[in-house]
Amino acid sequence: MLAPMAELSHRPLRELIEGFGGCDEYFTEMISAGALIGGGPFEPFYTDGGPCPDKLVYQLVGADPGHLAAAAALLGDCKGIDINMGCSAPAITRTGAGVRWMADADRAAALIARVRPAVRRRLSVKLRIGMEDDFDYLVAFCRRLEAEGVDLITLHPRTGREKFKRRARWEYVGALRSVLAIPVAGNGDIAGPEDLARRAAPGCDGAIYDGVMVGRAAVRAPWLFAAAKKTPDTGVIDLEEVALRFLDLLAKYQPPEFHISRARRFFNYYCDNLKWGTHVKNLLNREETLGGIERVLRGYFNETGDRKPKPPPLS
């Protein structure tokens, strides 16, 4: 599954990944429930279900149960609806949304009870271990959600206070799956196709995971899912060709107001493939138009011929 990532999990990235054979499910970047029901001007771009609505999961974020239920009812064809209970960004948590839902199991259960009737498809929740490293609390919390009708839980096994430098505790994913009746997926520290293939294999580390979610690594290498499946038609990856295709997709499917922020976010990871990636990132961050970004990229590839991806980092 492609993880929900702000300014990254949009249609251009999905189109790019799908061009290499795709993944099983695409989660959108988090969609503000309040903005959606308020008819914000950019909401059609957040809710664009292409290219594969049947594989799309809309992720909603918010602190108001009524807003979340109303927003879920508005969303069209999709694989399912996901409630964000894992984002630890201060701008989200200070409103009572994201991982702050995990501070109060009664409040979270009441939310699911409110949203469940509005969701005609799969209802899932993406969360963390909690505000503290307390597995017993995590189990009790998830059992409350399960009892209210959640169909799938995706666990990012870090606490709400931990950043990416702390190892994702995948043993918690398997342990949680062993005590719940519903499927449990895991997310975190997937660095490349070998990691993804290993985690997705039955019985990995003696545990069963019902799904594996990939975030930043799939931005760095949109061909990652195909490589993990050893898809025979993945072909030779040309880094310039992929980069320019992303710019074309960005121009086609995102509004001009989003072009530069989305391009910078994408190339912040994608340029890790390049021998002189840090230098190229600095050059790209000075540009204010997609045309300027394209000129920098073409100039770099013409000068260096650096078109073959580097091996992914070790997890």
Foldseek 3Di string as FASTA:
>chain_A
DADADPLALFQLLQVLLVVLVGDQAGEYHEDELVCQVVVPPFVCRRQPCPDDQARYEYEYKDQDLVSLQVSQLPHDRHQWYEYALADLPPVRVVRCIHVSLLVDLVSVLVSLLSNVVSIPHAYEYEHECHQDVDLVSSLVSVVSNVVSPHQEYEYQHDYSPDDQVDAGDCVSQQVSCVPDPHAYEYEHDPFALVSQLQLCDACRVHGGHPYYYYYLNCLLPSSRNCVNVVPVPSDAFFLLVSLVSSLVSCVVRHDLVSNLVSNLVSLVRNLVQFPPSVVLSVQSNVDDDSVSNNVSSVVVCVVPVSTHGDDTDDD
